[in-house]
Amino acid sequence: MSFARFAARRLGEMAATLLAASFVVFGAMYLAPGDPASFLLAGRSASPEALASVKAQYHLDEPFLVRYGRWLGDVLQGDFGRSITYRTDVSRLLADRLPTTLLLVTMALLVVVAVGLFLGRLAAVRGGATDTAVLVTTTFAVGTPSFVAAVLLQGLFAVKLGWFPTSGAGEGLTDTLWHLALPATALALYLIGMLARVTRSAMAEALDSDHVTVARSRGVPERHVIRRHVFRNSLGTVLTTGGLIVSTLLVCTVLVETAFSVGGIGQLLELSTSTKDFPTVQAISLIIVALFMAVNLVVDLLLPLVDPRVTLGTRGAAV
């Protein structure tokens, strides 16, 4: 199969899956307990005419499939509806908050990749006491959920030591990076442990392979053996894990952004869920699903390029 045909097939699968996901997201909000009309009226008693007017304004009185079709058509045009809580376009809310979340996820991902790969490679190559120390450290990291890490980091470095702000996203690039340092670390801690352990296992397996033994017997310098024959052959497994890491980062931002009051779409999702702001919840859920699928698409396209053992359309050979 050619790369172009494979990419086209994956894009088609992604579009079909996203369509199914949109139906599930909209249906979940439809079945959720609570009436958005009651929230719009702020708990006030209203006449049947007033209640009918509110439902007609937000199309709450239409059949499910009609509402879904109307909503999907608007979404395809970039219109996610109007927020019930904030009384403004959901697209405007997302435009204000999505960059903060993407920056936070990017910062956390860079930390995860840099530290996770370093620790995994160090443990596999050095072995012995270094391997044990890395395993103990990563076990602690994997056993620490993001929201627990957020509370610990906030209490120590923001409240007690005062090195970082306790909340907010800051203004300007430098101030924003400073404000997001602790949230990014809290997001990254668990995933650093996971990536380090996956990298260590993949490289340890590659170190025991026959071609590594042959390369060493031919006098190839050890640093070349590690770089060309061990680390490169491990990248397929590491890259596959990378897709899961990005997806986990997107989901965990809800907890970390709420803990630090960052003001991204994660915190917006938490607030919108508690106030039954269905249009906003639907938009954020669909965006998270789309980002998750996009990451997996990139992984599938890069995998055959990184690991020559993987043929187009088969991911399992590298895992």
C-alpha atoms as a PDB file:
ATOM      1  CA  MET A   1       0.000   0.000   0.000  1.00  0.00           C
ATOM      2  CA  SER A   2       1.360   3.432  -0.904  1.00  0.00           C
ATOM      3  CA  PHE A   3       1.806   6.081   1.791  1.00  0.00           C
ATOM      4  CA  ALA A   4      -0.706   8.421   0.112  1.00  0.00           C
ATOM      5  CA  ARG A   5      -3.363   5.688  -0.036  1.00  0.00           C
ATOM      6  CA  PHE A   6      -2.685   4.732   3.571  1.00  0.00           C
ATOM      7  CA  ALA A   7      -2.941   8.378   4.690  1.00  0.00           C
ATOM      8  CA  ALA A   8      -6.200   8.845   2.758  1.00  0.00           C
ATOM      9  CA  ARG A   9      -7.649   5.695   4.311  1.00  0.00           C
ATOM     10  CA  ARG A  10      -6.700   6.810   7.818  1.00  0.00           C
ATOM     11  CA  LEU A  11      -8.205  10.265   7.215  1.00  0.00           C
ATOM     12  CA  GLY A  12     -11.439   8.622   6.069  1.00  0.00           C
ATOM     13  CA  GLU A  13     -11.499   6.401   9.160  1.00  0.00           C
ATOM     14  CA  MET A  14     -10.838   9.424  11.347  1.00  0.00           C
ATOM     15  CA  ALA A  15     -13.724  11.356   9.763  1.00  0.00           C
ATOM     16  CA  ALA A  16     -16.122   8.421  10.245  1.00  0.00           C
ATOM     17  CA  THR A  17     -15.041   7.926  13.851  1.00  0.00           C
ATOM     18  CA  LEU A  18     -15.358  11.636  14.552  1.00  0.00           C
ATOM     19  CA  LEU A  19     -18.898  11.601  13.140  1.00  0.00           C
ATOM     20  CA  ALA A  20     -19.807   8.707  15.415  1.00  0.00           C
ATOM     21  CA  ALA A  21     -18.171  10.482  18.352  1.00  0.00           C
ATOM     22  CA  SER A  22     -20.197  13.629  17.653  1.00  0.00           C
ATOM     23  CA  PHE A  23     -23.401  11.577  17.857  1.00  0.00           C
ATOM     24  CA  VAL A  24     -22.300  10.050  21.171  1.00  0.00           C
ATOM     25  CA  VAL A  25     -21.286  13.436  22.612  1.00  0.00           C
ATOM     26  CA  PHE A  26     -24.570  15.060  21.615  1.00  0.00           C
ATOM     27  CA  GLY A  27     -26.584  12.039  22.778  1.00  0.00           C
ATOM     28  CA  ALA A  28     -24.832  11.989  26.163  1.00  0.00           C
ATOM     29  CA  MET A  29     -25.790  15.618  26.758  1.00  0.00           C
ATOM     30  CA  TYR A  30     -29.349  14.866  25.614  1.00  0.00           C
ATOM     31  CA  LEU A  31     -29.666  12.025  28.137  1.00  0.00           C
ATOM     32  CA  ALA A  32     -27.917  13.876  30.969  1.00  0.00           C
ATOM     33  CA  PRO A  33     -30.125  14.691  33.972  1.00  0.00           C
ATOM     34  CA  GLY A  34     -31.260  18.281  34.396  1.00  0.00           C
ATOM     35  CA  ASP A  35     -33.024  20.776  32.162  1.00  0.00           C
ATOM     36  CA  PRO A  36     -30.976  23.607  30.579  1.00  0.00           C
ATOM     37  CA  ALA A  37     -34.163  25.672  30.398  1.00  0.00           C
ATOM     38  CA  SER A  38     -34.429  25.639  34.186  1.00  0.00           C
ATOM     39  CA  PHE A  39     -30.881  26.968  34.477  1.00  0.00           C
ATOM     40  CA  LEU A  40     -31.592  29.663  31.904  1.00  0.00           C
ATOM     41  CA  LEU A  41     -34.441  30.845  34.079  1.00  0.00           C
ATOM     42  CA  ALA A  42     -32.055  30.858  37.088  1.00  0.00           C
ATOM     43  CA  GLY A  43     -34.443  28.772  39.157  1.00  0.00           C
ATOM     44  CA  ARG A  44     -37.202  31.366  38.895  1.00  0.00           C
ATOM     45  CA  SER A  45     -40.766  30.241  38.435  1.00  0.00           C
ATOM     46  CA  ALA A  46     -41.857  31.090  34.914  1.00  0.00           C
ATOM     47  CA  SER A  47     -45.065  30.955  33.009  1.00  0.00           C
ATOM     48  CA  PRO A  48     -45.528  28.158  30.477  1.00  0.00           C
ATOM     49  CA  GLU A  49     -45.262  30.770  27.715  1.00  0.00           C
ATOM     50  CA  ALA A  50     -41.904  32.032  29.019  1.00  0.00           C
ATOM     51  CA  LEU A  51     -40.584  28.466  29.369  1.00  0.00           C
ATOM     52  CA  ALA A  52     -41.720  27.631  25.835  1.00  0.00           C
ATOM     53  CA  SER A  53     -40.021  30.785  24.537  1.00  0.00           C
ATOM     54  CA  VAL A  54     -36.697  29.831  26.138  1.00  0.00           C
ATOM     55  CA  LYS A  55     -36.900  26.287  24.768  1.00  0.00           C
ATOM     56  CA  ALA A  56     -37.695  27.591  21.293  1.00  0.00           C
ATOM     57  CA  GLN A  57     -34.755  30.029  21.414  1.00  0.00           C
ATOM     58  CA  TYR A  58     -32.308  27.226  22.186  1.00  0.00           C
ATOM     59  CA  HIS A  59     -34.198  24.625  20.062  1.00  0.00           C
ATOM     60  CA  LEU A  60     -34.830  22.536  23.182  1.00  0.00           C
ATOM     61  CA  ASP A  61     -38.352  21.711  22.014  1.00  0.00           C
ATOM     62  CA  GLU A  62     -37.279  19.948  18.804  1.00  0.00           C
ATOM     63  CA  PRO A  63     -36.863  16.152  18.321  1.00  0.00           C
ATOM     64  CA  PHE A  64     -33.463  14.677  19.087  1.00  0.00           C
ATOM     65  CA  LEU A  65     -32.400  13.936  15.501  1.00  0.00           C
ATOM     66  CA  VAL A  66     -33.464  17.403  14.327  1.00  0.00           C
ATOM     67  CA  ARG A  67     -31.440  19.038  17.104  1.00  0.00           C
ATOM     68  CA  TYR A  68     -28.457  16.809  16.339  1.00  0.00           C
ATOM     69  CA  GLY A  69     -28.589  17.580  12.630  1.00  0.00           C
ATOM     70  CA  ARG A  70     -28.895  21.300  13.298  1.00  0.00           C
ATOM     71  CA  TRP A  71     -26.028  21.197  15.810  1.00  0.00           C
ATOM     72  CA  LEU A  72     -23.757  19.127  13.523  1.00  0.00           C
ATOM     73  CA  GLY A  73     -24.405  21.439  10.583  1.00  0.00           C
ATOM     74  CA  ASP A  74     -23.487  24.477  12.679  1.00  0.00           C
ATOM     75  CA  VAL A  75     -20.352  22.755  14.043  1.00  0.00           C
ATOM     76  CA  LEU A  76     -19.142  22.002  10.523  1.00  0.00           C
ATOM     77  CA  GLN A  77     -19.349  25.749   9.897  1.00  0.00           C
ATOM     78  CA  GLY A  78     -17.391  26.549  13.079  1.00  0.00           C
ATOM     79  CA  ASP A  79     -20.470  27.535  15.105  1.00  0.00           C
ATOM     80  CA  PHE A  80     -20.695  25.657  18.424  1.00  0.00           C
ATOM     81  CA  GLY A  81     -23.750  27.557  19.596  1.00  0.00           C
ATOM     82  CA  ARG A  82     -24.231  30.007  22.424  1.00  0.00           C
ATOM     83  CA  SER A  83     -23.087  29.381  25.986  1.00  0.00           C
ATOM     84  CA  ILE A  84     -25.956  29.109  28.452  1.00  0.00           C
ATOM     85  CA  THR A  85     -23.758  30.216  31.354  1.00  0.00           C
ATOM     86  CA  TYR A  86     -21.678  32.988  29.793  1.00  0.00           C
ATOM     87  CA  ARG A  87     -24.352  34.183  27.304  1.00  0.00           C
ATOM     88  CA  THR A  88     -21.787  34.446  24.520  1.00  0.00           C
ATOM     89  CA  ASP A  89     -20.675  32.375  21.545  1.00  0.00           C
ATOM     90  CA  VAL A  90     -18.931  29.141  22.530  1.00  0.00           C
ATOM     91  CA  SER A  91     -16.443  29.709  19.693  1.00  0.00           C
ATOM     92  CA  ARG A  92     -15.341  32.938  21.377  1.00  0.00           C
ATOM     93  CA  LEU A  93     -14.898  31.165  24.722  1.00  0.00           C
ATOM     94  CA  LEU A  94     -12.791  28.485  23.044  1.00  0.00           C
ATOM     95  CA  ALA A  95     -10.682  31.042  21.171  1.00  0.00           C
ATOM     96  CA  ASP A  96      -9.900  32.772  24.485  1.00  0.00           C
ATOM     97  CA  ARG A  97      -9.026  29.618  26.435  1.00  0.00           C
ATOM     98  CA  LEU A  98      -7.774  26.990  23.976  1.00  0.00           C
ATOM     99  CA  PRO A  99      -4.318  28.605  23.428  1.00  0.00           C
ATOM    100  CA  THR A 100      -3.608  28.413  27.170  1.00  0.00           C
ATOM    101  CA  THR A 101      -4.472  24.724  27.283  1.00  0.00           C
ATOM    102  CA  LEU A 102      -2.427  23.934  24.172  1.00  0.00           C
ATOM    103  CA  LEU A 103       0.580  25.784  25.632  1.00  0.00           C
ATOM    104  CA  LEU A 104       0.195  23.921  28.921  1.00  0.00           C
ATOM    105  CA  VAL A 105      -0.018  20.541  27.162  1.00  0.00           C
ATOM    106  CA  THR A 106       2.977  21.404  24.955  1.00  0.00           C
ATOM    107  CA  MET A 107       5.093  22.370  27.966  1.00  0.00           C
ATOM    108  CA  ALA A 108       4.138  19.178  29.795  1.00  0.00           C
ATOM    109  CA  LEU A 109       4.821  17.061  26.696  1.00  0.00           C
ATOM    110  CA  LEU A 110       8.302  18.553  26.261  1.00  0.00           C
ATOM    111  CA  VAL A 111       9.103  17.759  29.901  1.00  0.00           C
ATOM    112  CA  VAL A 112       7.750  14.220  29.560  1.00  0.00           C
ATOM    113  CA  VAL A 113       9.737  13.486  26.396  1.00  0.00           C
ATOM    114  CA  ALA A 114      13.011  15.033  27.636  1.00  0.00           C
ATOM    115  CA  VAL A 115      13.012  13.539  31.143  1.00  0.00           C
ATOM    116  CA  GLY A 116      11.224  10.271  30.328  1.00  0.00           C
ATOM    117  CA  LEU A 117      13.530   9.330  27.452  1.00  0.00           C
ATOM    118  CA  PHE A 118      16.611  10.350  29.450  1.00  0.00           C
ATOM    119  CA  LEU A 119      15.675   8.251  32.496  1.00  0.00           C
ATOM    120  CA  GLY A 120      14.621   5.244  30.409  1.00  0.00           C
ATOM    121  CA  ARG A 121      17.790   5.290  28.353  1.00  0.00           C
ATOM    122  CA  LEU A 122      19.938   5.821  31.453  1.00  0.00           C
ATOM    123  CA  ALA A 123      18.367   2.840  33.242  1.00  0.00           C
ATOM    124  CA  ALA A 124      18.698   0.499  30.240  1.00  0.00           C
ATOM    125  CA  VAL A 125      22.299   1.410  29.395  1.00  0.00           C
ATOM    126  CA  ARG A 126      23.764   1.758  32.905  1.00  0.00           C
ATOM    127  CA  GLY A 127      21.822  -1.025  34.643  1.00  0.00           C
ATOM    128  CA  GLY A 128      22.691  -2.014  38.241  1.00  0.00           C
ATOM    129  CA  ALA A 129      22.134   0.640  40.921  1.00  0.00           C
ATOM    130  CA  THR A 130      21.173   3.289  38.353  1.00  0.00           C
ATOM    131  CA  ASP A 131      18.462   1.022  36.965  1.00  0.00           C
ATOM    132  CA  THR A 132      17.152   0.370  40.487  1.00  0.00           C
ATOM    133  CA  ALA A 133      17.133   4.088  41.323  1.00  0.00           C
ATOM    134  CA  VAL A 134      15.228   4.913  38.132  1.00  0.00           C
ATOM    135  CA  LEU A 135      12.700   2.137  38.769  1.00  0.00           C
ATOM    136  CA  VAL A 136      12.056   3.372  42.315  1.00  0.00           C
ATOM    137  CA  THR A 137      11.722   6.980  41.155  1.00  0.00           C
ATOM    138  CA  THR A 138       9.411   6.167  38.263  1.00  0.00           C
ATOM    139  CA  THR A 139       7.297   3.880  40.457  1.00  0.00           C
ATOM    140  CA  PHE A 140       6.705   6.856  42.763  1.00  0.00           C
ATOM    141  CA  ALA A 141       5.908   9.055  39.758  1.00  0.00           C
ATOM    142  CA  VAL A 142       3.475   6.563  38.206  1.00  0.00           C
ATOM    143  CA  GLY A 143       1.757   6.132  41.559  1.00  0.00           C
ATOM    144  CA  THR A 144       1.133   9.876  41.922  1.00  0.00           C
ATOM    145  CA  PRO A 145      -2.040  11.043  40.118  1.00  0.00           C
ATOM    146  CA  SER A 146      -1.963  14.476  38.495  1.00  0.00           C
ATOM    147  CA  PHE A 147      -4.363  16.071  40.963  1.00  0.00           C
ATOM    148  CA  VAL A 148      -2.277  14.829  43.906  1.00  0.00           C
ATOM    149  CA  ALA A 149       0.894  16.146  42.272  1.00  0.00           C
ATOM    150  CA  ALA A 150      -0.860  19.479  41.702  1.00  0.00           C
ATOM    151  CA  VAL A 151      -1.742  19.831  45.386  1.00  0.00           C
ATOM    152  CA  LEU A 152       1.769  18.812  46.530  1.00  0.00           C
ATOM    153  CA  LEU A 153       3.581  21.130  44.115  1.00  0.00           C
ATOM    154  CA  GLN A 154       1.244  24.016  44.825  1.00  0.00           C
ATOM    155  CA  GLY A 155       1.644  23.627  48.582  1.00  0.00           C
ATOM    156  CA  LEU A 156       5.447  23.343  48.507  1.00  0.00           C
ATOM    157  CA  PHE A 157       6.664  25.614  45.700  1.00  0.00           C
ATOM    158  CA  ALA A 158       3.847  28.182  45.556  1.00  0.00           C
ATOM    159  CA  VAL A 159       2.530  28.521  49.125  1.00  0.00           C
ATOM    160  CA  LYS A 160       5.488  27.570  51.332  1.00  0.00           C
ATOM    161  CA  LEU A 161       8.481  28.667  49.236  1.00  0.00           C
ATOM    162  CA  GLY A 162       6.710  31.304  47.124  1.00  0.00           C
ATOM    163  CA  TRP A 163       8.745  30.515  44.036  1.00  0.00           C
ATOM    164  CA  PHE A 164       5.745  30.255  41.709  1.00  0.00           C
ATOM    165  CA  PRO A 165       2.236  31.776  41.558  1.00  0.00           C
ATOM    166  CA  THR A 166      -0.509  29.784  43.213  1.00  0.00           C
ATOM    167  CA  SER A 167      -3.023  30.289  40.394  1.00  0.00           C
ATOM    168  CA  GLY A 168      -3.797  31.985  37.094  1.00  0.00           C
ATOM    169  CA  ALA A 169      -2.242  31.870  33.631  1.00  0.00           C
ATOM    170  CA  GLY A 170      -0.325  35.172  33.679  1.00  0.00           C
ATOM    171  CA  GLU A 171       0.013  37.819  30.963  1.00  0.00           C
ATOM    172  CA  GLY A 172       2.643  37.904  28.219  1.00  0.00           C
ATOM    173  CA  LEU A 173       4.835  34.994  27.184  1.00  0.00           C
ATOM    174  CA  THR A 174       7.375  35.067  30.022  1.00  0.00           C
ATOM    175  CA  ASP A 175       4.778  35.540  32.756  1.00  0.00           C
ATOM    176  CA  THR A 176       2.566  32.849  31.226  1.00  0.00           C
ATOM    177  CA  LEU A 177       5.431  30.340  31.117  1.00  0.00           C
ATOM    178  CA  TRP A 178       6.171  31.143  34.769  1.00  0.00           C
ATOM    179  CA  HIS A 179       2.546  30.642  35.779  1.00  0.00           C
ATOM    180  CA  LEU A 180       2.251  27.365  33.828  1.00  0.00           C
ATOM    181  CA  ALA A 181       5.504  25.840  35.121  1.00  0.00           C
ATOM    182  CA  LEU A 182       3.930  24.103  38.126  1.00  0.00           C
ATOM    183  CA  PRO A 183       0.763  22.953  36.307  1.00  0.00           C
ATOM    184  CA  ALA A 184       2.913  21.510  33.496  1.00  0.00           C
ATOM    185  CA  THR A 185       5.081  19.677  36.020  1.00  0.00           C
ATOM    186  CA  ALA A 186       2.012  18.277  37.761  1.00  0.00           C
ATOM    187  CA  LEU A 187       0.680  17.067  34.419  1.00  0.00           C
ATOM    188  CA  ALA A 188       4.015  15.567  33.389  1.00  0.00           C
ATOM    189  CA  LEU A 189       5.029  13.710  36.564  1.00  0.00           C
ATOM    190  CA  TYR A 190       2.900  10.581  36.089  1.00  0.00           C
ATOM    191  CA  LEU A 191       3.676  10.355  32.366  1.00  0.00           C
ATOM    192  CA  ILE A 192       7.425  10.789  32.896  1.00  0.00           C
ATOM    193  CA  GLY A 193       7.357   7.608  34.940  1.00  0.00           C
ATOM    194  CA  MET A 194       5.327   5.766  32.316  1.00  0.00           C
ATOM    195  CA  LEU A 195       7.515   6.823  29.374  1.00  0.00           C
ATOM    196  CA  ALA A 196      10.747   6.084  31.266  1.00  0.00           C
ATOM    197  CA  ARG A 197       9.601   2.551  32.054  1.00  0.00           C
ATOM    198  CA  VAL A 198       8.441   1.899  28.476  1.00  0.00           C
ATOM    199  CA  THR A 199      11.736   3.248  27.076  1.00  0.00           C
ATOM    200  CA  ARG A 200      13.757   1.171  29.530  1.00  0.00           C
ATOM    201  CA  SER A 201      11.902  -2.038  28.636  1.00  0.00           C
ATOM    202  CA  ALA A 202      12.132  -1.438  24.879  1.00  0.00           C
ATOM    203  CA  MET A 203      15.860  -0.646  25.003  1.00  0.00           C
ATOM    204  CA  ALA A 204      16.596  -3.585  27.320  1.00  0.00           C
ATOM    205  CA  GLU A 205      14.892  -5.902  24.831  1.00  0.00           C
ATOM    206  CA  ALA A 206      16.832  -4.357  21.942  1.00  0.00           C
ATOM    207  CA  LEU A 207      20.125  -4.742  23.857  1.00  0.00           C
ATOM    208  CA  ASP A 208      19.582  -8.519  23.976  1.00  0.00           C
ATOM    209  CA  SER A 209      18.875  -8.809  20.245  1.00  0.00           C
ATOM    210  CA  ASP A 210      21.173 -10.690  17.858  1.00  0.00           C
ATOM    211  CA  HIS A 211      22.051  -7.728  15.649  1.00  0.00           C
ATOM    212  CA  VAL A 212      23.348  -5.798  18.673  1.00  0.00           C
ATOM    213  CA  THR A 213      25.553  -8.757  19.602  1.00  0.00           C
ATOM    214  CA  VAL A 214      26.837  -8.918  16.026  1.00  0.00           C
ATOM    215  CA  ALA A 215      27.530  -5.161  15.951  1.00  0.00           C
ATOM    216  CA  ARG A 216      29.510  -5.368  19.184  1.00  0.00           C
ATOM    217  CA  SER A 217      31.474  -8.400  17.953  1.00  0.00           C
ATOM    218  CA  ARG A 218      32.486  -6.400  14.880  1.00  0.00           C
ATOM    219  CA  GLY A 219      33.978  -3.688  17.084  1.00  0.00           C
ATOM    220  CA  VAL A 220      31.329  -1.017  16.510  1.00  0.00           C
ATOM    221  CA  PRO A 221      31.753   1.654  19.223  1.00  0.00           C
ATOM    222  CA  GLU A 222      29.239   1.248  22.036  1.00  0.00           C
ATOM    223  CA  ARG A 223      27.773   4.745  21.616  1.00  0.00           C
ATOM    224  CA  HIS A 224      26.990   3.941  17.958  1.00  0.00           C
ATOM    225  CA  VAL A 225      25.440   0.611  18.946  1.00  0.00           C
ATOM    226  CA  ILE A 226      23.193   2.361  21.477  1.00  0.00           C
ATOM    227  CA  ARG A 227      22.184   5.144  19.106  1.00  0.00           C
ATOM    228  CA  ARG A 228      21.769   3.247  15.823  1.00  0.00           C
ATOM    229  CA  HIS A 229      20.782  -0.272  16.842  1.00  0.00           C
ATOM    230  CA  VAL A 230      19.178   0.042  20.283  1.00  0.00           C
ATOM    231  CA  PHE A 231      17.558   3.471  20.663  1.00  0.00           C
ATOM    232  CA  ARG A 232      16.337   3.627  17.070  1.00  0.00           C
ATOM    233  CA  ASN A 233      14.744   0.183  17.233  1.00  0.00           C
ATOM    234  CA  SER A 234      12.985   1.237  20.433  1.00  0.00           C
ATOM    235  CA  LEU A 235      11.433   4.344  18.928  1.00  0.00           C
ATOM    236  CA  GLY A 236       8.459   2.457  17.480  1.00  0.00           C
ATOM    237  CA  THR A 237       7.266   1.400  20.917  1.00  0.00           C
ATOM    238  CA  VAL A 238       8.078   4.818  22.389  1.00  0.00           C
ATOM    239  CA  LEU A 239       6.200   6.624  19.600  1.00  0.00           C
ATOM    240  CA  THR A 240       3.143   4.425  20.092  1.00  0.00           C
ATOM    241  CA  THR A 241       3.216   5.321  23.773  1.00  0.00           C
ATOM    242  CA  GLY A 242       3.529   8.979  22.773  1.00  0.00           C
ATOM    243  CA  GLY A 243       0.007   8.940  21.362  1.00  0.00           C
ATOM    244  CA  LEU A 244      -1.346   7.671  24.662  1.00  0.00           C
ATOM    245  CA  ILE A 245       0.695  10.287  26.538  1.00  0.00           C
ATOM    246  CA  VAL A 246      -0.754  13.222  24.593  1.00  0.00           C
ATOM    247  CA  SER A 247      -4.273  11.862  25.027  1.00  0.00           C
ATOM    248  CA  THR A 248      -3.744  11.507  28.779  1.00  0.00           C
ATOM    249  CA  LEU A 249      -2.400  15.065  28.970  1.00  0.00           C
ATOM    250  CA  LEU A 250      -5.556  16.406  27.304  1.00  0.00           C
ATOM    251  CA  VAL A 251      -7.815  14.555  29.728  1.00  0.00           C
ATOM    252  CA  CYS A 252      -5.814  15.411  32.857  1.00  0.00           C
ATOM    253  CA  THR A 253      -5.810  19.129  32.065  1.00  0.00           C
ATOM    254  CA  VAL A 254      -9.342  19.266  33.515  1.00  0.00           C
ATOM    255  CA  LEU A 255      -8.005  18.386  36.984  1.00  0.00           C
ATOM    256  CA  VAL A 256      -4.791  20.410  36.857  1.00  0.00           C
ATOM    257  CA  GLU A 257      -6.334  23.554  35.346  1.00  0.00           C
ATOM    258  CA  THR A 258      -9.032  23.473  38.015  1.00  0.00           C
ATOM    259  CA  ALA A 259      -6.448  23.051  40.800  1.00  0.00           C
ATOM    260  CA  PHE A 260      -4.384  26.014  39.559  1.00  0.00           C
ATOM    261  CA  SER A 261      -7.297  28.096  38.162  1.00  0.00           C
ATOM    262  CA  VAL A 262      -5.407  28.297  34.880  1.00  0.00           C
ATOM    263  CA  GLY A 263      -8.380  29.366  32.793  1.00  0.00           C
ATOM    264  CA  GLY A 264      -8.020  26.899  29.898  1.00  0.00           C
ATOM    265  CA  ILE A 265     -10.656  24.675  28.326  1.00  0.00           C
ATOM    266  CA  GLY A 266     -10.116  22.050  31.029  1.00  0.00           C
ATOM    267  CA  GLN A 267     -11.300  24.405  33.759  1.00  0.00           C
ATOM    268  CA  LEU A 268     -14.040  25.661  31.427  1.00  0.00           C
ATOM    269  CA  LEU A 269     -15.237  22.069  30.946  1.00  0.00           C
ATOM    270  CA  GLU A 270     -15.417  21.515  34.700  1.00  0.00           C
ATOM    271  CA  LEU A 271     -17.384  24.746  35.262  1.00  0.00           C
ATOM    272  CA  SER A 272     -19.687  24.121  32.294  1.00  0.00           C
ATOM    273  CA  THR A 273     -20.477  20.585  33.449  1.00  0.00           C
ATOM    274  CA  SER A 274     -21.474  21.787  36.914  1.00  0.00           C
ATOM    275  CA  THR A 275     -23.773  24.478  35.455  1.00  0.00           C
ATOM    276  CA  LYS A 276     -25.272  22.248  32.727  1.00  0.00           C
ATOM    277  CA  ASP A 277     -23.906  24.501  29.997  1.00  0.00           C
ATOM    278  CA  PHE A 278     -24.530  21.832  27.362  1.00  0.00           C
ATOM    279  CA  PRO A 279     -23.319  23.718  24.240  1.00  0.00           C
ATOM    280  CA  THR A 280     -19.938  24.407  25.862  1.00  0.00           C
ATOM    281  CA  VAL A 281     -19.564  20.856  27.197  1.00  0.00           C
ATOM    282  CA  GLN A 282     -20.407  19.418  23.772  1.00  0.00           C
ATOM    283  CA  ALA A 283     -17.893  21.678  22.021  1.00  0.00           C
ATOM    284  CA  ILE A 284     -15.015  20.937  24.410  1.00  0.00           C
ATOM    285  CA  SER A 285     -15.729  17.199  24.424  1.00  0.00           C
ATOM    286  CA  LEU A 286     -15.732  17.106  20.632  1.00  0.00           C
ATOM    287  CA  ILE A 287     -12.488  19.098  20.437  1.00  0.00           C
ATOM    288  CA  ILE A 288     -10.764  16.733  22.886  1.00  0.00           C
ATOM    289  CA  VAL A 289     -11.924  13.732  20.855  1.00  0.00           C
ATOM    290  CA  ALA A 290     -10.704  15.376  17.618  1.00  0.00           C
ATOM    291  CA  LEU A 291      -7.295  16.153  19.134  1.00  0.00           C
ATOM    292  CA  PHE A 292      -7.045  12.576  20.415  1.00  0.00           C
ATOM    293  CA  MET A 293      -7.752  11.220  16.931  1.00  0.00           C
ATOM    294  CA  ALA A 294      -5.352  13.664  15.296  1.00  0.00           C
ATOM    295  CA  VAL A 295      -2.538  12.558  17.606  1.00  0.00           C
ATOM    296  CA  ASN A 296      -3.164   8.893  16.826  1.00  0.00           C
ATOM    297  CA  LEU A 297      -3.262   9.686  13.109  1.00  0.00           C
ATOM    298  CA  VAL A 298       0.144  11.385  13.338  1.00  0.00           C
ATOM    299  CA  VAL A 299       1.518   8.385  15.254  1.00  0.00           C
ATOM    300  CA  ASP A 300       0.222   5.953  12.631  1.00  0.00           C
ATOM    301  CA  LEU A 301       1.764   8.021   9.824  1.00  0.00           C
ATOM    302  CA  LEU A 302       5.130   8.436  11.555  1.00  0.00           C
ATOM    303  CA  LEU A 303       5.500   4.861  12.789  1.00  0.00           C
ATOM    304  CA  PRO A 304       6.505   3.269   9.446  1.00  0.00           C
ATOM    305  CA  LEU A 305       8.989   6.098   8.889  1.00  0.00           C
ATOM    306  CA  VAL A 306      10.627   5.655  12.299  1.00  0.00           C
ATOM    307  CA  ASP A 307      10.592   1.861  12.498  1.00  0.00           C
ATOM    308  CA  PRO A 308      11.317   0.072   9.193  1.00  0.00           C
ATOM    309  CA  ARG A 309       9.945  -3.187  10.641  1.00  0.00           C
ATOM    310  CA  VAL A 310       6.444  -1.707  10.563  1.00  0.00           C
ATOM    311  CA  THR A 311       4.548  -1.849   7.291  1.00  0.00           C
ATOM    312  CA  LEU A 312       1.800   0.612   6.412  1.00  0.00           C
ATOM    313  CA  GLY A 313      -1.464  -0.235   8.132  1.00  0.00           C
ATOM    314  CA  THR A 314       0.034  -2.539  10.782  1.00  0.00           C
ATOM    315  CA  ARG A 315       0.945  -0.964  14.093  1.00  0.00           C
ATOM    316  CA  GLY A 316       1.256  -4.155  16.081  1.00  0.00           C
ATOM    317  CA  ALA A 317       4.708  -5.123  14.826  1.00  0.00           C
ATOM    318  CA  ALA A 318       6.332  -2.372  16.815  1.00  0.00           C
ATOM    319  CA  VAL A 319       4.508  -2.972  20.039  1.00  0.00           C
END
